[in-house]
């Protein structure tokens, strides 16, 4: 007998890759639906890749057919190249509708903490709209909302460390006392895969076991990678301008207004008890020689193929 099959959106990406590894390790078969089906496949012939086919829903239904659980990581970090948050919501609507037609039994969706349709931030508002679409699609679901995810392929922590290695001064936006609870990507994958067995639909956060102020996090990173960085408190608008200038140099979007505002409004912090196990401080100690050695480009990862 063949093992049961699941579908993961974005198995070649960051979070999707770890969910796929977890499923394969549990003896599941995995198909992936991805923006870049011809991208180098880290899983070889074990995982078959199909395009999203949002504009050809009959093909999307066929690619989803025969699977038990859909693990959805699809979203956009910012609007770029004609891709908007509104379009991403509509693409998600198509995906969930096709999943229902294909006979998917459960959807595990990766959201974000504090997603809200009342949010003034398009990123968090769009995430909430996708959740509403999922809730109303008629399929059992678990929505997993991570705080901020760290790991070897992480962009945020890696690029903070990269800038500390390159520049003698690092900005702290405002007072720097807003909170952040990093959760390890493998812990997130474990939480997501375990939630497929839930019989009831629910929404949970994925939360790491350590809480830092943003300034504490920055000083910890500088200490672990042994960089004598001078920290300077800057107004958020000036910090965004600085990020834009660095972005021009590296050819990337370093920081968005939504991301900064969400961080400063404590949206990367959860009141839920931690369900992740990996300590960020210990992970950083183990990876201090590699983190931040090269810059990780969001545009190169998702848009330039």
C-alpha atoms as a PDB file:
ATOM      1  CA  UNK A   1       0.000   0.000   0.000  1.00  0.00           C
ATOM      2  CA  UNK A   2       1.209   3.490  -0.835  1.00  0.00           C
ATOM      3  CA  UNK A   3       1.436   5.951   2.057  1.00  0.00           C
ATOM      4  CA  UNK A   4      -1.138   8.726   2.261  1.00  0.00           C
ATOM      5  CA  UNK A   5      -0.474  11.812   0.159  1.00  0.00           C
ATOM      6  CA  UNK A   6      -0.439  15.460   1.200  1.00  0.00           C
ATOM      7  CA  UNK A   7       0.035  18.683  -0.772  1.00  0.00           C
ATOM      8  CA  UNK A   8       2.333  21.475   0.380  1.00  0.00           C
ATOM      9  CA  UNK A   9       2.350  24.845  -1.330  1.00  0.00           C
ATOM     10  CA  UNK A  10       5.919  26.076  -1.721  1.00  0.00           C
ATOM     11  CA  UNK A  11       7.957  22.974  -0.809  1.00  0.00           C
ATOM     12  CA  UNK A  12      11.001  24.625  -2.403  1.00  0.00           C
ATOM     13  CA  UNK A  13      10.622  27.721  -0.260  1.00  0.00           C
ATOM     14  CA  UNK A  14      11.351  28.362   3.401  1.00  0.00           C
ATOM     15  CA  UNK A  15       8.542  27.152   5.671  1.00  0.00           C
ATOM     16  CA  UNK A  16       7.142  24.799   3.030  1.00  0.00           C
ATOM     17  CA  UNK A  17      10.449  22.961   2.791  1.00  0.00           C
ATOM     18  CA  UNK A  18      10.477  22.171   6.504  1.00  0.00           C
ATOM     19  CA  UNK A  19       6.852  21.029   6.470  1.00  0.00           C
ATOM     20  CA  UNK A  20       7.686  18.770   3.533  1.00  0.00           C
ATOM     21  CA  UNK A  21      10.696  17.304   5.334  1.00  0.00           C
ATOM     22  CA  UNK A  22       8.566  16.602   8.383  1.00  0.00           C
ATOM     23  CA  UNK A  23       5.900  14.843   6.309  1.00  0.00           C
ATOM     24  CA  UNK A  24       8.414  12.738   4.403  1.00  0.00           C
ATOM     25  CA  UNK A  25      10.047  11.797   7.698  1.00  0.00           C
ATOM     26  CA  UNK A  26       6.679  10.482   8.873  1.00  0.00           C
ATOM     27  CA  UNK A  27       6.342   8.338   5.764  1.00  0.00           C
ATOM     28  CA  UNK A  28       3.859  10.542   3.914  1.00  0.00           C
ATOM     29  CA  UNK A  29       3.913  11.146   0.172  1.00  0.00           C
ATOM     30  CA  UNK A  30       4.111  14.804  -0.830  1.00  0.00           C
ATOM     31  CA  UNK A  31       3.179  16.806  -3.903  1.00  0.00           C
ATOM     32  CA  UNK A  32       3.955  20.504  -4.091  1.00  0.00           C
ATOM     33  CA  UNK A  33       2.278  23.387  -5.863  1.00  0.00           C
ATOM     34  CA  UNK A  34       4.705  26.213  -6.425  1.00  0.00           C
ATOM     35  CA  UNK A  35       5.390  29.435  -8.283  1.00  0.00           C
ATOM     36  CA  UNK A  36       8.604  27.916  -9.641  1.00  0.00           C
ATOM     37  CA  UNK A  37       7.945  24.260 -10.575  1.00  0.00           C
ATOM     38  CA  UNK A  38      11.187  24.140 -12.578  1.00  0.00           C
ATOM     39  CA  UNK A  39      13.314  25.347  -9.691  1.00  0.00           C
ATOM     40  CA  UNK A  40      15.989  22.956  -8.426  1.00  0.00           C
ATOM     41  CA  UNK A  41      14.158  20.309  -6.411  1.00  0.00           C
ATOM     42  CA  UNK A  42      15.900  19.610  -3.077  1.00  0.00           C
ATOM     43  CA  UNK A  43      13.817  16.440  -2.683  1.00  0.00           C
ATOM     44  CA  UNK A  44      14.595  14.917  -6.073  1.00  0.00           C
ATOM     45  CA  UNK A  45      11.984  12.541  -7.427  1.00  0.00           C
ATOM     46  CA  UNK A  46      10.353  12.082  -4.030  1.00  0.00           C
ATOM     47  CA  UNK A  47       8.328  15.296  -4.404  1.00  0.00           C
ATOM     48  CA  UNK A  48       6.557  16.139  -7.670  1.00  0.00           C
ATOM     49  CA  UNK A  49       6.072  19.835  -8.442  1.00  0.00           C
ATOM     50  CA  UNK A  50       3.110  21.462 -10.189  1.00  0.00           C
ATOM     51  CA  UNK A  51       2.419  25.144 -10.989  1.00  0.00           C
ATOM     52  CA  UNK A  52      -0.262  27.000  -9.052  1.00  0.00           C
ATOM     53  CA  UNK A  53      -2.497  27.323 -12.120  1.00  0.00           C
ATOM     54  CA  UNK A  54      -4.740  29.899 -10.449  1.00  0.00           C
ATOM     55  CA  UNK A  55      -5.937  30.841 -13.932  1.00  0.00           C
ATOM     56  CA  UNK A  56      -6.651  27.186 -14.800  1.00  0.00           C
ATOM     57  CA  UNK A  57      -8.619  25.900 -11.818  1.00  0.00           C
ATOM     58  CA  UNK A  58      -9.474  22.582 -13.495  1.00  0.00           C
ATOM     59  CA  UNK A  59      -5.747  21.754 -13.562  1.00  0.00           C
ATOM     60  CA  UNK A  60      -5.346  22.901  -9.971  1.00  0.00           C
ATOM     61  CA  UNK A  61      -8.158  20.554  -8.924  1.00  0.00           C
ATOM     62  CA  UNK A  62      -6.447  17.631 -10.654  1.00  0.00           C
ATOM     63  CA  UNK A  63      -3.124  18.362  -8.965  1.00  0.00           C
ATOM     64  CA  UNK A  64      -4.827  18.461  -5.564  1.00  0.00           C
ATOM     65  CA  UNK A  65      -6.913  15.357  -6.117  1.00  0.00           C
ATOM     66  CA  UNK A  66      -6.029  12.271  -4.090  1.00  0.00           C
ATOM     67  CA  UNK A  67      -4.408  14.178  -1.205  1.00  0.00           C
ATOM     68  CA  UNK A  68      -5.618  14.202   2.381  1.00  0.00           C
ATOM     69  CA  UNK A  69      -4.219  17.481   3.752  1.00  0.00           C
ATOM     70  CA  UNK A  70      -3.305  20.738   2.059  1.00  0.00           C
ATOM     71  CA  UNK A  71      -0.557  22.640   3.881  1.00  0.00           C
ATOM     72  CA  UNK A  72      -0.759  26.194   2.623  1.00  0.00           C
ATOM     73  CA  UNK A  73       2.152  28.626   2.936  1.00  0.00           C
ATOM     74  CA  UNK A  74       1.180  30.785  -0.045  1.00  0.00           C
ATOM     75  CA  UNK A  75       1.287  34.542   0.485  1.00  0.00           C
ATOM     76  CA  UNK A  76       3.305  37.597  -0.577  1.00  0.00           C
ATOM     77  CA  UNK A  77       5.500  39.586   1.771  1.00  0.00           C
ATOM     78  CA  UNK A  78       4.968  42.816  -0.176  1.00  0.00           C
ATOM     79  CA  UNK A  79       3.390  43.981  -3.418  1.00  0.00           C
ATOM     80  CA  UNK A  80       5.808  43.751  -6.315  1.00  0.00           C
ATOM     81  CA  UNK A  81       5.880  43.089 -10.033  1.00  0.00           C
ATOM     82  CA  UNK A  82       2.124  43.330 -10.437  1.00  0.00           C
ATOM     83  CA  UNK A  83       1.414  40.941  -7.558  1.00  0.00           C
ATOM     84  CA  UNK A  84      -0.845  42.651  -5.000  1.00  0.00           C
ATOM     85  CA  UNK A  85      -2.284  41.619  -1.653  1.00  0.00           C
ATOM     86  CA  UNK A  86      -5.741  41.723  -3.219  1.00  0.00           C
ATOM     87  CA  UNK A  87      -4.648  39.310  -5.932  1.00  0.00           C
ATOM     88  CA  UNK A  88      -3.042  37.038  -3.344  1.00  0.00           C
ATOM     89  CA  UNK A  89      -6.349  36.886  -1.461  1.00  0.00           C
ATOM     90  CA  UNK A  90      -8.216  35.970  -4.656  1.00  0.00           C
ATOM     91  CA  UNK A  91      -5.589  33.349  -5.518  1.00  0.00           C
ATOM     92  CA  UNK A  92      -6.079  31.865  -2.069  1.00  0.00           C
ATOM     93  CA  UNK A  93      -9.838  31.811  -2.629  1.00  0.00           C
ATOM     94  CA  UNK A  94      -9.273  29.831  -5.844  1.00  0.00           C
ATOM     95  CA  UNK A  95      -6.906  27.448  -4.067  1.00  0.00           C
ATOM     96  CA  UNK A  96      -9.353  26.644  -1.251  1.00  0.00           C
ATOM     97  CA  UNK A  97     -12.276  26.284  -3.639  1.00  0.00           C
ATOM     98  CA  UNK A  98     -10.269  23.858  -5.779  1.00  0.00           C
ATOM     99  CA  UNK A  99      -9.175  21.968  -2.658  1.00  0.00           C
ATOM    100  CA  UNK A 100     -12.822  21.408  -1.739  1.00  0.00           C
ATOM    101  CA  UNK A 101     -13.623  20.214  -5.267  1.00  0.00           C
ATOM    102  CA  UNK A 102     -10.624  17.868  -5.208  1.00  0.00           C
ATOM    103  CA  UNK A 103     -11.785  16.161  -1.999  1.00  0.00           C
ATOM    104  CA  UNK A 104      -9.120  17.536   0.355  1.00  0.00           C
ATOM    105  CA  UNK A 105     -10.026  16.488   3.904  1.00  0.00           C
ATOM    106  CA  UNK A 106      -8.152  19.162   5.899  1.00  0.00           C
ATOM    107  CA  UNK A 107      -6.365  22.472   5.310  1.00  0.00           C
ATOM    108  CA  UNK A 108      -3.487  23.581   7.519  1.00  0.00           C
ATOM    109  CA  UNK A 109      -2.850  27.229   6.749  1.00  0.00           C
ATOM    110  CA  UNK A 110       0.164  29.278   7.850  1.00  0.00           C
ATOM    111  CA  UNK A 111      -0.997  32.748   8.877  1.00  0.00           C
ATOM    112  CA  UNK A 112       0.540  35.417  11.096  1.00  0.00           C
ATOM    113  CA  UNK A 113      -0.081  36.531  14.666  1.00  0.00           C
ATOM    114  CA  UNK A 114      -2.621  39.335  15.116  1.00  0.00           C
ATOM    115  CA  UNK A 115      -4.071  39.078  11.618  1.00  0.00           C
ATOM    116  CA  UNK A 116      -7.136  41.331  11.580  1.00  0.00           C
ATOM    117  CA  UNK A 117      -9.509  42.681   8.967  1.00  0.00           C
ATOM    118  CA  UNK A 118      -9.531  45.913  10.988  1.00  0.00           C
ATOM    119  CA  UNK A 119      -5.771  46.308  10.741  1.00  0.00           C
ATOM    120  CA  UNK A 120      -4.523  49.474   9.020  1.00  0.00           C
ATOM    121  CA  UNK A 121      -1.597  47.408   7.708  1.00  0.00           C
ATOM    122  CA  UNK A 122      -2.336  45.770   4.317  1.00  0.00           C
ATOM    123  CA  UNK A 123      -0.148  42.747   5.097  1.00  0.00           C
ATOM    124  CA  UNK A 124      -1.987  41.834   8.304  1.00  0.00           C
ATOM    125  CA  UNK A 125      -5.360  42.802   6.852  1.00  0.00           C
ATOM    126  CA  UNK A 126      -4.778  40.639   3.781  1.00  0.00           C
ATOM    127  CA  UNK A 127      -3.746  37.694   5.933  1.00  0.00           C
ATOM    128  CA  UNK A 128      -7.014  38.041   7.872  1.00  0.00           C
ATOM    129  CA  UNK A 129      -9.027  38.098   4.646  1.00  0.00           C
ATOM    130  CA  UNK A 130      -7.405  34.823   3.572  1.00  0.00           C
ATOM    131  CA  UNK A 131      -8.315  33.293   6.934  1.00  0.00           C
ATOM    132  CA  UNK A 132     -11.943  34.386   6.455  1.00  0.00           C
ATOM    133  CA  UNK A 133     -12.011  32.797   3.002  1.00  0.00           C
ATOM    134  CA  UNK A 134     -10.693  29.546   4.469  1.00  0.00           C
ATOM    135  CA  UNK A 135     -13.175  29.546   7.351  1.00  0.00           C
ATOM    136  CA  UNK A 136     -16.047  29.975   4.878  1.00  0.00           C
ATOM    137  CA  UNK A 137     -14.883  27.420   2.288  1.00  0.00           C
ATOM    138  CA  UNK A 138     -16.473  24.470   4.079  1.00  0.00           C
ATOM    139  CA  UNK A 139     -13.333  22.436   4.761  1.00  0.00           C
ATOM    140  CA  UNK A 140     -11.992  21.538   8.218  1.00  0.00           C
ATOM    141  CA  UNK A 141      -8.999  23.710   8.967  1.00  0.00           C
ATOM    142  CA  UNK A 142      -6.266  24.657  11.369  1.00  0.00           C
ATOM    143  CA  UNK A 143      -4.794  28.125  11.040  1.00  0.00           C
ATOM    144  CA  UNK A 144      -1.300  28.295  12.521  1.00  0.00           C
ATOM    145  CA  UNK A 145      -0.137  31.836  13.227  1.00  0.00           C
ATOM    146  CA  UNK A 146       3.633  32.125  13.794  1.00  0.00           C
ATOM    147  CA  UNK A 147       5.197  35.173  15.413  1.00  0.00           C
ATOM    148  CA  UNK A 148       8.498  35.617  13.546  1.00  0.00           C
ATOM    149  CA  UNK A 149      10.213  32.513  12.180  1.00  0.00           C
ATOM    150  CA  UNK A 150      13.950  31.872  12.398  1.00  0.00           C
ATOM    151  CA  UNK A 151      16.153  29.208  10.838  1.00  0.00           C
ATOM    152  CA  UNK A 152      19.058  28.759   8.436  1.00  0.00           C
ATOM    153  CA  UNK A 153      17.120  30.139   5.446  1.00  0.00           C
ATOM    154  CA  UNK A 154      15.554  32.972   7.435  1.00  0.00           C
ATOM    155  CA  UNK A 155      15.746  36.428   5.909  1.00  0.00           C
ATOM    156  CA  UNK A 156      15.106  38.751   8.885  1.00  0.00           C
ATOM    157  CA  UNK A 157      17.620  37.436  11.422  1.00  0.00           C
ATOM    158  CA  UNK A 158      20.199  36.579   8.751  1.00  0.00           C
ATOM    159  CA  UNK A 159      20.112  40.035   7.205  1.00  0.00           C
ATOM    160  CA  UNK A 160      20.269  41.766  10.581  1.00  0.00           C
ATOM    161  CA  UNK A 161      23.446  39.797  11.261  1.00  0.00           C
ATOM    162  CA  UNK A 162      24.745  40.554   7.750  1.00  0.00           C
ATOM    163  CA  UNK A 163      24.320  44.293   8.283  1.00  0.00           C
ATOM    164  CA  UNK A 164      26.041  44.060  11.656  1.00  0.00           C
ATOM    165  CA  UNK A 165      28.989  42.371   9.948  1.00  0.00           C
ATOM    166  CA  UNK A 166      29.104  45.076   7.254  1.00  0.00           C
ATOM    167  CA  UNK A 167      28.376  48.302   9.106  1.00  0.00           C
ATOM    168  CA  UNK A 168      29.755  49.685  12.401  1.00  0.00           C
ATOM    169  CA  UNK A 169      26.422  51.325  13.301  1.00  0.00           C
ATOM    170  CA  UNK A 170      22.994  49.687  13.530  1.00  0.00           C
ATOM    171  CA  UNK A 171      19.653  51.510  13.914  1.00  0.00           C
ATOM    172  CA  UNK A 172      17.065  50.856  16.602  1.00  0.00           C
ATOM    173  CA  UNK A 173      13.678  52.202  15.600  1.00  0.00           C
ATOM    174  CA  UNK A 174      12.183  54.351  18.339  1.00  0.00           C
ATOM    175  CA  UNK A 175      12.730  53.145  21.905  1.00  0.00           C
ATOM    176  CA  UNK A 176      13.286  49.531  20.830  1.00  0.00           C
ATOM    177  CA  UNK A 177      11.238  48.161  23.738  1.00  0.00           C
ATOM    178  CA  UNK A 178       8.572  46.425  21.630  1.00  0.00           C
ATOM    179  CA  UNK A 179       8.447  42.646  22.015  1.00  0.00           C
ATOM    180  CA  UNK A 180       9.352  39.773  19.724  1.00  0.00           C
ATOM    181  CA  UNK A 181       9.050  35.993  20.231  1.00  0.00           C
ATOM    182  CA  UNK A 182      11.009  34.119  17.535  1.00  0.00           C
ATOM    183  CA  UNK A 183       9.835  30.575  16.769  1.00  0.00           C
ATOM    184  CA  UNK A 184      12.115  27.999  15.137  1.00  0.00           C
ATOM    185  CA  UNK A 185      11.076  26.902  11.664  1.00  0.00           C
ATOM    186  CA  UNK A 186      11.299  23.193  12.550  1.00  0.00           C
ATOM    187  CA  UNK A 187       9.060  23.776  15.569  1.00  0.00           C
ATOM    188  CA  UNK A 188       6.566  25.556  13.315  1.00  0.00           C
ATOM    189  CA  UNK A 189       6.630  22.617  10.894  1.00  0.00           C
ATOM    190  CA  UNK A 190       6.061  20.193  13.762  1.00  0.00           C
ATOM    191  CA  UNK A 191       3.091  22.218  15.052  1.00  0.00           C
ATOM    192  CA  UNK A 192       1.611  22.425  11.564  1.00  0.00           C
ATOM    193  CA  UNK A 193       1.924  18.700  10.798  1.00  0.00           C
ATOM    194  CA  UNK A 194       0.578  17.677  14.217  1.00  0.00           C
ATOM    195  CA  UNK A 195      -2.448  19.906  13.712  1.00  0.00           C
ATOM    196  CA  UNK A 196      -3.573  17.836  10.703  1.00  0.00           C
ATOM    197  CA  UNK A 197      -4.901  15.273  13.182  1.00  0.00           C
ATOM    198  CA  UNK A 198      -7.197  17.809  14.883  1.00  0.00           C
ATOM    199  CA  UNK A 199     -10.812  16.853  14.348  1.00  0.00           C
ATOM    200  CA  UNK A 200     -12.070  20.362  15.145  1.00  0.00           C
ATOM    201  CA  UNK A 201     -11.244  23.518  13.220  1.00  0.00           C
ATOM    202  CA  UNK A 202      -9.224  26.011  15.235  1.00  0.00           C
ATOM    203  CA  UNK A 203      -6.745  28.875  15.193  1.00  0.00           C
ATOM    204  CA  UNK A 204      -3.490  28.637  17.148  1.00  0.00           C
ATOM    205  CA  UNK A 205      -0.332  30.712  17.412  1.00  0.00           C
ATOM    206  CA  UNK A 206       3.147  29.258  16.934  1.00  0.00           C
ATOM    207  CA  UNK A 207       5.262  30.854  19.640  1.00  0.00           C
ATOM    208  CA  UNK A 208       8.878  30.431  20.675  1.00  0.00           C
ATOM    209  CA  UNK A 209       9.903  29.943  24.320  1.00  0.00           C
ATOM    210  CA  UNK A 210      11.887  33.200  24.629  1.00  0.00           C
ATOM    211  CA  UNK A 211      10.667  36.796  24.611  1.00  0.00           C
ATOM    212  CA  UNK A 212      12.951  39.736  23.838  1.00  0.00           C
ATOM    213  CA  UNK A 213      12.599  43.427  23.374  1.00  0.00           C
ATOM    214  CA  UNK A 214      13.830  44.320  19.911  1.00  0.00           C
ATOM    215  CA  UNK A 215      16.858  46.038  21.403  1.00  0.00           C
ATOM    216  CA  UNK A 216      17.653  42.941  23.475  1.00  0.00           C
ATOM    217  CA  UNK A 217      17.408  40.805  20.341  1.00  0.00           C
ATOM    218  CA  UNK A 218      19.796  43.062  18.424  1.00  0.00           C
ATOM    219  CA  UNK A 219      22.328  43.150  21.232  1.00  0.00           C
ATOM    220  CA  UNK A 220      22.141  39.363  21.569  1.00  0.00           C
ATOM    221  CA  UNK A 221      22.855  38.902  17.863  1.00  0.00           C
ATOM    222  CA  UNK A 222      25.779  41.333  17.960  1.00  0.00           C
ATOM    223  CA  UNK A 223      27.185  39.593  21.025  1.00  0.00           C
ATOM    224  CA  UNK A 224      26.913  36.085  19.586  1.00  0.00           C
ATOM    225  CA  UNK A 225      28.482  36.938  16.221  1.00  0.00           C
ATOM    226  CA  UNK A 226      31.123  39.008  18.046  1.00  0.00           C
ATOM    227  CA  UNK A 227      30.535  42.319  16.279  1.00  0.00           C
ATOM    228  CA  UNK A 228      31.284  45.542  18.120  1.00  0.00           C
ATOM    229  CA  UNK A 229      28.298  47.462  16.777  1.00  0.00           C
ATOM    230  CA  UNK A 230      27.204  50.885  17.960  1.00  0.00           C
ATOM    231  CA  UNK A 231      23.425  51.060  18.313  1.00  0.00           C
ATOM    232  CA  UNK A 232      21.704  54.321  17.478  1.00  0.00           C
ATOM    233  CA  UNK A 233      18.040  55.084  18.178  1.00  0.00           C
ATOM    234  CA  UNK A 234      16.356  56.581  15.113  1.00  0.00           C
ATOM    235  CA  UNK A 235      12.832  57.788  14.294  1.00  0.00           C
ATOM    236  CA  UNK A 236      10.966  55.101  12.304  1.00  0.00           C
ATOM    237  CA  UNK A 237      10.746  57.302   9.186  1.00  0.00           C
ATOM    238  CA  UNK A 238      14.505  57.754   9.138  1.00  0.00           C
ATOM    239  CA  UNK A 239      14.977  54.034   9.687  1.00  0.00           C
ATOM    240  CA  UNK A 240      12.764  53.265   6.681  1.00  0.00           C
ATOM    241  CA  UNK A 241      14.779  55.681   4.565  1.00  0.00           C
ATOM    242  CA  UNK A 242      17.987  53.990   5.633  1.00  0.00           C
ATOM    243  CA  UNK A 243      16.493  50.599   4.782  1.00  0.00           C
ATOM    244  CA  UNK A 244      15.498  51.917   1.364  1.00  0.00           C
ATOM    245  CA  UNK A 245      19.035  53.135   0.684  1.00  0.00           C
ATOM    246  CA  UNK A 246      20.516  49.775   1.665  1.00  0.00           C
ATOM    247  CA  UNK A 247      17.895  48.113  -0.533  1.00  0.00           C
ATOM    248  CA  UNK A 248      19.111  50.106  -3.516  1.00  0.00           C
ATOM    249  CA  UNK A 249      22.638  48.836  -2.890  1.00  0.00           C
ATOM    250  CA  UNK A 250      21.698  45.154  -2.519  1.00  0.00           C
ATOM    251  CA  UNK A 251      18.834  45.235  -5.051  1.00  0.00           C
ATOM    252  CA  UNK A 252      16.159  44.130  -2.612  1.00  0.00           C
ATOM    253  CA  UNK A 253      13.313  45.294  -0.373  1.00  0.00           C
ATOM    254  CA  UNK A 254      15.016  45.295   3.028  1.00  0.00           C
ATOM    255  CA  UNK A 255      12.139  46.497   5.202  1.00  0.00           C
ATOM    256  CA  UNK A 256       8.559  47.520   4.532  1.00  0.00           C
ATOM    257  CA  UNK A 257       6.471  50.078   6.386  1.00  0.00           C
ATOM    258  CA  UNK A 258       4.003  47.329   7.346  1.00  0.00           C
ATOM    259  CA  UNK A 259       6.763  45.186   8.822  1.00  0.00           C
ATOM    260  CA  UNK A 260       8.203  48.012  10.876  1.00  0.00           C
ATOM    261  CA  UNK A 261       4.811  49.187  12.112  1.00  0.00           C
ATOM    262  CA  UNK A 262       3.782  45.609  12.960  1.00  0.00           C
ATOM    263  CA  UNK A 263       7.000  45.081  14.889  1.00  0.00           C
ATOM    264  CA  UNK A 264       6.652  48.331  16.835  1.00  0.00           C
ATOM    265  CA  UNK A 265       2.990  47.578  17.625  1.00  0.00           C
ATOM    266  CA  UNK A 266       3.947  44.247  19.272  1.00  0.00           C
ATOM    267  CA  UNK A 267       2.268  42.195  16.543  1.00  0.00           C
ATOM    268  CA  UNK A 268       5.129  39.686  16.628  1.00  0.00           C
ATOM    269  CA  UNK A 269       4.305  38.833  20.233  1.00  0.00           C
ATOM    270  CA  UNK A 270       1.596  36.459  21.474  1.00  0.00           C
ATOM    271  CA  UNK A 271      -0.280  36.114  24.747  1.00  0.00           C
ATOM    272  CA  UNK A 272      -0.532  32.361  24.108  1.00  0.00           C
ATOM    273  CA  UNK A 273       1.734  30.023  26.053  1.00  0.00           C
ATOM    274  CA  UNK A 274       4.789  29.038  23.981  1.00  0.00           C
ATOM    275  CA  UNK A 275       4.415  25.807  21.980  1.00  0.00           C
ATOM    276  CA  UNK A 276       7.810  25.956  20.292  1.00  0.00           C
ATOM    277  CA  UNK A 277      10.715  24.296  22.077  1.00  0.00           C
ATOM    278  CA  UNK A 278      13.891  25.654  20.476  1.00  0.00           C
ATOM    279  CA  UNK A 279      15.582  28.553  22.248  1.00  0.00           C
ATOM    280  CA  UNK A 280      16.625  31.269  19.834  1.00  0.00           C
ATOM    281  CA  UNK A 281      19.618  32.116  22.020  1.00  0.00           C
ATOM    282  CA  UNK A 282      20.921  28.535  21.854  1.00  0.00           C
ATOM    283  CA  UNK A 283      20.296  28.246  18.105  1.00  0.00           C
ATOM    284  CA  UNK A 284      22.157  31.498  17.558  1.00  0.00           C
ATOM    285  CA  UNK A 285      25.127  30.225  19.589  1.00  0.00           C
ATOM    286  CA  UNK A 286      25.252  27.081  17.453  1.00  0.00           C
ATOM    287  CA  UNK A 287      25.029  29.026  14.178  1.00  0.00           C
ATOM    288  CA  UNK A 288      27.007  32.151  15.042  1.00  0.00           C
ATOM    289  CA  UNK A 289      29.746  31.461  12.498  1.00  0.00           C
ATOM    290  CA  UNK A 290      27.356  31.089   9.547  1.00  0.00           C
ATOM    291  CA  UNK A 291      24.469  33.455  10.209  1.00  0.00           C
ATOM    292  CA  UNK A 292      24.780  36.711   8.295  1.00  0.00           C
ATOM    293  CA  UNK A 293      27.731  35.646   6.148  1.00  0.00           C
ATOM    294  CA  UNK A 294      25.806  36.355   2.948  1.00  0.00           C
ATOM    295  CA  UNK A 295      22.829  38.564   2.235  1.00  0.00           C
ATOM    296  CA  UNK A 296      19.489  36.793   1.649  1.00  0.00           C
ATOM    297  CA  UNK A 297      17.446  38.522  -1.058  1.00  0.00           C
ATOM    298  CA  UNK A 298      13.649  38.304  -0.986  1.00  0.00           C
ATOM    299  CA  UNK A 299      13.404  39.457  -4.607  1.00  0.00           C
ATOM    300  CA  UNK A 300      15.962  36.938  -5.796  1.00  0.00           C
ATOM    301  CA  UNK A 301      14.259  34.131  -3.887  1.00  0.00           C
ATOM    302  CA  UNK A 302      10.739  34.749  -5.170  1.00  0.00           C
ATOM    303  CA  UNK A 303      10.771  36.962  -8.251  1.00  0.00           C
ATOM    304  CA  UNK A 304      14.002  36.549 -10.188  1.00  0.00           C
ATOM    305  CA  UNK A 305      14.167  33.170 -11.896  1.00  0.00           C
END
